[in-house]
All heavy atoms as atom14 arrays in JSON, in Angstrom:
{
  "sequence": "LTMFARRVAKALEQAVECKRVGVAVIGLEVP",
  "atom14_mask": [
    [1, 1, 1, 1, 1, 1, 1, 1, 0, 0, 0, 0, 0, 0],
    [1, 1, 1, 1, 1, 1, 1, 0, 0, 0, 0, 0, 0, 0],
    [1, 1, 1, 1, 1, 1, 1, 1, 0, 0, 0, 0, 0, 0],
    [1, 1, 1, 1, 1, 1, 1, 1, 1, 1, 1, 0, 0, 0],
    [1, 1, 1, 1, 1, 0, 0, 0, 0, 0, 0, 0, 0, 0],
    [1, 1, 1, 1, 1, 1, 1, 1, 1, 1, 1, 0, 0, 0],
    [1, 1, 1, 1, 1, 1, 1, 1, 1, 1, 1, 0, 0, 0],
    [1, 1, 1, 1, 1, 1, 1, 0, 0, 0, 0, 0, 0, 0],
    [1, 1, 1, 1, 1, 0, 0, 0, 0, 0, 0, 0, 0, 0],
    [1, 1, 1, 1, 1, 1, 1, 1, 1, 0, 0, 0, 0, 0],
    [1, 1, 1, 1, 1, 0, 0, 0, 0, 0, 0, 0, 0, 0],
    [1, 1, 1, 1, 1, 1, 1, 1, 0, 0, 0, 0, 0, 0],
    [1, 1, 1, 1, 1, 1, 1, 1, 1, 0, 0, 0, 0, 0],
    [1, 1, 1, 1, 1, 1, 1, 1, 1, 0, 0, 0, 0, 0],
    [1, 1, 1, 1, 1, 0, 0, 0, 0, 0, 0, 0, 0, 0],
    [1, 1, 1, 1, 1, 1, 1, 0, 0, 0, 0, 0, 0, 0],
    [1, 1, 1, 1, 1, 1, 1, 1, 1, 0, 0, 0, 0, 0],
    [1, 1, 1, 1, 1, 1, 0, 0, 0, 0, 0, 0, 0, 0],
    [1, 1, 1, 1, 1, 1, 1, 1, 1, 0, 0, 0, 0, 0],
    [1, 1, 1, 1, 1, 1, 1, 1, 1, 1, 1, 0, 0, 0],
    [1, 1, 1, 1, 1, 1, 1, 0, 0, 0, 0, 0, 0, 0],
    [1, 1, 1, 1, 0, 0, 0, 0, 0, 0, 0, 0, 0, 0],
    [1, 1, 1, 1, 1, 1, 1, 0, 0, 0, 0, 0, 0, 0],
    [1, 1, 1, 1, 1, 0, 0, 0, 0, 0, 0, 0, 0, 0],
    [1, 1, 1, 1, 1, 1, 1, 0, 0, 0, 0, 0, 0, 0],
    [1, 1, 1, 1, 1, 1, 1, 1, 0, 0, 0, 0, 0, 0],
    [1, 1, 1, 1, 0, 0, 0, 0, 0, 0, 0, 0, 0, 0],
    [1, 1, 1, 1, 1, 1, 1, 1, 0, 0, 0, 0, 0, 0],
    [1, 1, 1, 1, 1, 1, 1, 1, 1, 0, 0, 0, 0, 0],
    [1, 1, 1, 1, 1, 1, 1, 0, 0, 0, 0, 0, 0, 0],
    [1, 1, 1, 1, 1, 1, 1, 0, 0, 0, 0, 0, 0, 0]
  ],
  "atom14_positions": [
    [[0.84, -1.19, -0.04], [-0.02, 0.01, -0.03], [0.84, 1.26, 0.03], [0.61, 2.2, -0.77], [-0.93, 0.0, 1.23], [-1.9, 1.21, 1.34], [-2.92, 1.18, 0.19], [-2.58, 1.2, 2.69], [0.0, 0.0, 0.0], [0.0, 0.0, 0.0], [0.0, 0.0, 0.0], [0.0, 0.0, 0.0], [0.0, 0.0, 0.0], [0.0, 0.0, 0.0]],
    [[1.89, 1.32, 0.85], [2.63, 2.47, 0.97], [3.55, 2.72, -0.33], [3.73, 3.88, -0.79], [3.59, 2.54, 2.2], [4.37, 1.41, 2.26], [2.64, 2.68, 3.46], [0.0, 0.0, 0.0], [0.0, 0.0, 0.0], [0.0, 0.0, 0.0], [0.0, 0.0, 0.0], [0.0, 0.0, 0.0], [0.0, 0.0, 0.0], [0.0, 0.0, 0.0]],
    [[4.0, 1.64, -0.92], [4.8, 1.8, -2.12], [3.88, 2.17, -3.32], [4.3, 3.07, -4.16], [5.51, 0.44, -2.49], [6.64, 0.16, -1.54], [7.87, 1.47, -1.35], [8.64, 1.4, -2.94], [0.0, 0.0, 0.0], [0.0, 0.0, 0.0], [0.0, 0.0, 0.0], [0.0, 0.0, 0.0], [0.0, 0.0, 0.0], [0.0, 0.0, 0.0]],
    [[2.63, 1.61, -3.35], [1.72, 2.09, -4.36], [1.35, 3.53, -4.13], [1.31, 4.34, -5.12], [0.46, 1.22, -4.23], [-0.62, 1.51, -5.24], [-0.5, 1.18, -6.55], [-1.77, 2.19, -4.84], [-1.51, 1.46, -7.47], [-2.84, 2.46, -5.72], [-2.69, 2.09, -7.03], [0.0, 0.0, 0.0], [0.0, 0.0, 0.0], [0.0, 0.0, 0.0]],
    [[1.15, 3.99, -2.87], [0.84, 5.42, -2.61], [2.04, 6.33, -3.06], [1.79, 7.42, -3.59], [0.58, 5.56, -1.11], [0.0, 0.0, 0.0], [0.0, 0.0, 0.0], [0.0, 0.0, 0.0], [0.0, 0.0, 0.0], [0.0, 0.0, 0.0], [0.0, 0.0, 0.0], [0.0, 0.0, 0.0], [0.0, 0.0, 0.0], [0.0, 0.0, 0.0]],
    [[3.17, 5.8, -2.88], [4.38, 6.61, -3.34], [4.3, 6.83, -4.84], [4.58, 7.95, -5.38], [5.58, 5.96, -2.92], [6.91, 6.62, -3.35], [8.07, 5.88, -2.93], [9.26, 6.62, -3.31], [10.43, 6.09, -3.4], [10.64, 4.83, -3.25], [11.46, 6.81, -3.87], [0.0, 0.0, 0.0], [0.0, 0.0, 0.0], [0.0, 0.0, 0.0]],
    [[4.05, 5.79, -5.61], [3.89, 5.87, -7.12], [2.8, 6.86, -7.46], [2.98, 7.68, -8.39], [3.69, 4.54, -7.77], [4.93, 3.62, -7.6], [4.81, 2.36, -8.48], [3.63, 1.56, -8.34], [3.49, 0.58, -7.36], [4.48, 0.34, -6.52], [2.39, -0.09, -7.35], [0.0, 0.0, 0.0], [0.0, 0.0, 0.0], [0.0, 0.0, 0.0]],
    [[1.69, 6.73, -6.8], [0.59, 7.68, -7.04], [0.98, 9.13, -6.72], [0.71, 10.08, -7.52], [-0.71, 7.27, -6.31], [-1.78, 8.3, -6.47], [-1.18, 5.91, -6.77], [0.0, 0.0, 0.0], [0.0, 0.0, 0.0], [0.0, 0.0, 0.0], [0.0, 0.0, 0.0], [0.0, 0.0, 0.0], [0.0, 0.0, 0.0], [0.0, 0.0, 0.0]],
    [[1.68, 9.37, -5.63], [2.03, 10.63, -5.25], [3.03, 11.28, -6.29], [2.95, 12.49, -6.59], [2.75, 10.59, -3.81], [0.0, 0.0, 0.0], [0.0, 0.0, 0.0], [0.0, 0.0, 0.0], [0.0, 0.0, 0.0], [0.0, 0.0, 0.0], [0.0, 0.0, 0.0], [0.0, 0.0, 0.0], [0.0, 0.0, 0.0], [0.0, 0.0, 0.0]],
    [[3.97, 10.47, -6.8], [4.89, 10.93, -7.81], [4.13, 11.37, -9.11], [4.41, 12.41, -9.64], [5.9, 9.87, -8.14], [6.89, 9.54, -7.02], [7.81, 10.62, -6.79], [8.85, 10.25, -5.76], [9.78, 11.27, -5.43], [0.0, 0.0, 0.0], [0.0, 0.0, 0.0], [0.0, 0.0, 0.0], [0.0, 0.0, 0.0], [0.0, 0.0, 0.0]],
    [[3.1, 10.58, -9.45], [2.21, 10.98, -10.61], [1.44, 12.2, -10.26], [1.33, 13.14, -11.14], [1.35, 9.84, -10.97], [0.0, 0.0, 0.0], [0.0, 0.0, 0.0], [0.0, 0.0, 0.0], [0.0, 0.0, 0.0], [0.0, 0.0, 0.0], [0.0, 0.0, 0.0], [0.0, 0.0, 0.0], [0.0, 0.0, 0.0], [0.0, 0.0, 0.0]],
    [[0.9, 12.3, -9.09], [0.12, 13.44, -8.61], [0.99, 14.77, -8.69], [0.49, 15.8, -9.18], [-0.38, 13.17, -7.25], [-1.31, 14.19, -6.55], [-2.52, 14.56, -7.46], [-1.71, 13.73, -5.23], [0.0, 0.0, 0.0], [0.0, 0.0, 0.0], [0.0, 0.0, 0.0], [0.0, 0.0, 0.0], [0.0, 0.0, 0.0], [0.0, 0.0, 0.0]],
    [[2.21, 14.67, -8.31], [3.08, 15.85, -8.28], [3.29, 16.39, -9.72], [3.41, 17.57, -9.93], [4.48, 15.51, -7.75], [4.58, 15.42, -6.29], [5.96, 15.03, -5.84], [6.61, 14.18, -6.43], [6.49, 15.61, -4.83], [0.0, 0.0, 0.0], [0.0, 0.0, 0.0], [0.0, 0.0, 0.0], [0.0, 0.0, 0.0], [0.0, 0.0, 0.0]],
    [[3.32, 15.49, -10.7], [3.45, 15.91, -12.07], [2.16, 16.42, -12.7], [2.21, 17.2, -13.66], [3.9, 14.71, -12.88], [5.31, 14.22, -12.56], [5.7, 12.94, -13.3], [5.48, 12.89, -14.55], [6.24, 11.94, -12.63], [0.0, 0.0, 0.0], [0.0, 0.0, 0.0], [0.0, 0.0, 0.0], [0.0, 0.0, 0.0], [0.0, 0.0, 0.0]],
    [[1.01, 15.94, -12.19], [-0.24, 16.27, -12.85], [-0.93, 17.49, -12.2], [-1.69, 18.18, -12.93], [-1.18, 15.11, -12.62], [0.0, 0.0, 0.0], [0.0, 0.0, 0.0], [0.0, 0.0, 0.0], [0.0, 0.0, 0.0], [0.0, 0.0, 0.0], [0.0, 0.0, 0.0], [0.0, 0.0, 0.0], [0.0, 0.0, 0.0], [0.0, 0.0, 0.0]],
    [[-0.63, 17.8, -10.93], [-1.32, 18.9, -10.27], [-0.21, 19.82, -9.69], [0.64, 19.35, -8.97], [-2.28, 18.44, -9.15], [-2.85, 19.6, -8.41], [-3.32, 17.5, -9.75], [0.0, 0.0, 0.0], [0.0, 0.0, 0.0], [0.0, 0.0, 0.0], [0.0, 0.0, 0.0], [0.0, 0.0, 0.0], [0.0, 0.0, 0.0], [0.0, 0.0, 0.0]],
    [[-0.35, 21.08, -10.04], [0.71, 22.04, -9.53], [0.66, 22.11, -8.04], [-0.32, 22.36, -7.35], [0.43, 23.46, -10.14], [1.6, 24.43, -9.82], [1.38, 25.67, -10.58], [0.78, 25.7, -11.73], [1.87, 26.73, -10.07], [0.0, 0.0, 0.0], [0.0, 0.0, 0.0], [0.0, 0.0, 0.0], [0.0, 0.0, 0.0], [0.0, 0.0, 0.0]],
    [[1.9, 21.89, -7.41], [2.05, 21.88, -5.95], [3.45, 21.95, -5.6], [4.36, 21.68, -6.44], [1.34, 20.71, -5.35], [2.03, 19.08, -5.84], [0.0, 0.0, 0.0], [0.0, 0.0, 0.0], [0.0, 0.0, 0.0], [0.0, 0.0, 0.0], [0.0, 0.0, 0.0], [0.0, 0.0, 0.0], [0.0, 0.0, 0.0], [0.0, 0.0, 0.0]],
    [[3.77, 22.26, -4.33], [5.13, 22.16, -3.85], [5.47, 20.78, -3.38], [6.6, 20.28, -3.57], [5.32, 23.09, -2.6], [5.53, 24.53, -2.98], [5.94, 25.28, -1.72], [6.28, 26.69, -2.1], [6.68, 27.46, -0.89], [0.0, 0.0, 0.0], [0.0, 0.0, 0.0], [0.0, 0.0, 0.0], [0.0, 0.0, 0.0], [0.0, 0.0, 0.0]],
    [[4.49, 20.1, -2.8], [4.61, 18.75, -2.29], [3.25, 18.02, -2.3], [2.29, 18.62, -2.48], [5.15, 18.76, -0.84], [6.5, 19.39, -0.58], [7.41, 18.34, 0.04], [8.79, 18.81, -0.08], [9.5, 19.39, 0.84], [8.92, 19.66, 2.0], [10.76, 19.69, 0.62], [0.0, 0.0, 0.0], [0.0, 0.0, 0.0], [0.0, 0.0, 0.0]],
    [[3.37, 16.75, -2.05], [2.13, 16.0, -1.82], [2.13, 15.63, -0.31], [3.02, 14.88, 0.13], [2.04, 14.71, -2.67], [0.84, 13.86, -2.29], [1.95, 15.11, -4.15], [0.0, 0.0, 0.0], [0.0, 0.0, 0.0], [0.0, 0.0, 0.0], [0.0, 0.0, 0.0], [0.0, 0.0, 0.0], [0.0, 0.0, 0.0], [0.0, 0.0, 0.0]],
    [[1.18, 16.11, 0.38], [0.98, 15.84, 1.76], [0.34, 14.45, 1.95], [-0.4, 14.01, 1.07], [0.0, 0.0, 0.0], [0.0, 0.0, 0.0], [0.0, 0.0, 0.0], [0.0, 0.0, 0.0], [0.0, 0.0, 0.0], [0.0, 0.0, 0.0], [0.0, 0.0, 0.0], [0.0, 0.0, 0.0], [0.0, 0.0, 0.0], [0.0, 0.0, 0.0]],
    [[0.63, 13.82, 3.08], [0.14, 12.51, 3.37], [-0.57, 12.51, 4.7], [-0.02, 13.07, 5.72], [1.23, 11.47, 3.43], [0.74, 10.09, 3.73], [2.05, 11.47, 2.14], [0.0, 0.0, 0.0], [0.0, 0.0, 0.0], [0.0, 0.0, 0.0], [0.0, 0.0, 0.0], [0.0, 0.0, 0.0], [0.0, 0.0, 0.0], [0.0, 0.0, 0.0]],
    [[-1.77, 11.93, 4.76], [-2.48, 11.82, 6.05], [-3.19, 10.47, 6.08], [-3.6, 9.97, 5.12], [-3.56, 12.89, 6.16], [0.0, 0.0, 0.0], [0.0, 0.0, 0.0], [0.0, 0.0, 0.0], [0.0, 0.0, 0.0], [0.0, 0.0, 0.0], [0.0, 0.0, 0.0], [0.0, 0.0, 0.0], [0.0, 0.0, 0.0], [0.0, 0.0, 0.0]],
    [[-3.07, 9.85, 7.28], [-3.74, 8.68, 7.65], [-4.63, 8.91, 8.79], [-4.03, 9.13, 9.93], [-2.79, 7.48, 7.84], [-3.57, 6.25, 8.25], [-1.91, 7.21, 6.61], [0.0, 0.0, 0.0], [0.0, 0.0, 0.0], [0.0, 0.0, 0.0], [0.0, 0.0, 0.0], [0.0, 0.0, 0.0], [0.0, 0.0, 0.0], [0.0, 0.0, 0.0]],
    [[-5.92, 9.0, 8.6], [-6.83, 9.32, 9.71], [-7.68, 8.09, 10.05], [-7.62, 7.53, 11.08], [-7.64, 10.57, 9.45], [-6.68, 11.79, 9.16], [-8.6, 10.9, 10.59], [-7.37, 12.93, 8.56], [0.0, 0.0, 0.0], [0.0, 0.0, 0.0], [0.0, 0.0, 0.0], [0.0, 0.0, 0.0], [0.0, 0.0, 0.0], [0.0, 0.0, 0.0]],
    [[-8.48, 7.73, 9.08], [-9.2, 6.45, 9.08], [-10.3, 6.37, 10.08], [-10.64, 5.32, 10.6], [0.0, 0.0, 0.0], [0.0, 0.0, 0.0], [0.0, 0.0, 0.0], [0.0, 0.0, 0.0], [0.0, 0.0, 0.0], [0.0, 0.0, 0.0], [0.0, 0.0, 0.0], [0.0, 0.0, 0.0], [0.0, 0.0, 0.0], [0.0, 0.0, 0.0]],
    [[-10.99, 7.52, 10.39], [-12.11, 7.41, 11.29], [-13.45, 7.42, 10.59], [-14.39, 6.85, 11.12], [-12.07, 8.65, 12.3], [-10.87, 8.6, 13.24], [-10.91, 9.9, 14.08], [-10.91, 7.39, 14.15], [0.0, 0.0, 0.0], [0.0, 0.0, 0.0], [0.0, 0.0, 0.0], [0.0, 0.0, 0.0], [0.0, 0.0, 0.0], [0.0, 0.0, 0.0]],
    [[-13.53, 8.05, 9.47], [-14.86, 8.22, 8.85], [-15.34, 7.06, 7.95], [-16.47, 6.8, 7.77], [-14.91, 9.54, 8.03], [-13.91, 9.6, 6.83], [-12.57, 9.97, 7.2], [-12.31, 10.52, 8.27], [-11.64, 9.83, 6.35], [0.0, 0.0, 0.0], [0.0, 0.0, 0.0], [0.0, 0.0, 0.0], [0.0, 0.0, 0.0], [0.0, 0.0, 0.0]],
    [[-14.38, 6.27, 7.47], [-14.66, 5.0, 6.67], [-13.86, 3.9, 7.29], [-12.65, 3.99, 7.43], [-14.29, 5.19, 5.25], [-14.64, 3.92, 4.45], [-15.1, 6.39, 4.6], [0.0, 0.0, 0.0], [0.0, 0.0, 0.0], [0.0, 0.0, 0.0], [0.0, 0.0, 0.0], [0.0, 0.0, 0.0], [0.0, 0.0, 0.0], [0.0, 0.0, 0.0]],
    [[-14.55, 2.78, 7.62], [-13.81, 1.66, 8.23], [-13.1, 0.75, 7.24], [-13.29, -0.42, 7.16], [-14.97, 0.87, 8.97], [-16.14, 1.1, 8.11], [-16.01, 2.51, 7.62], [0.0, 0.0, 0.0], [0.0, 0.0, 0.0], [0.0, 0.0, 0.0], [0.0, 0.0, 0.0], [0.0, 0.0, 0.0], [0.0, 0.0, 0.0], [0.0, 0.0, 0.0]]
  ]
}
């Protein structure tokens, strides 16, 4: 999961203008 998320984050950085891709794991609203 974390390696997949890293690949998605790298693609996201290229697709959407930003300084960084922030990461959050909260997990309260959907089980």
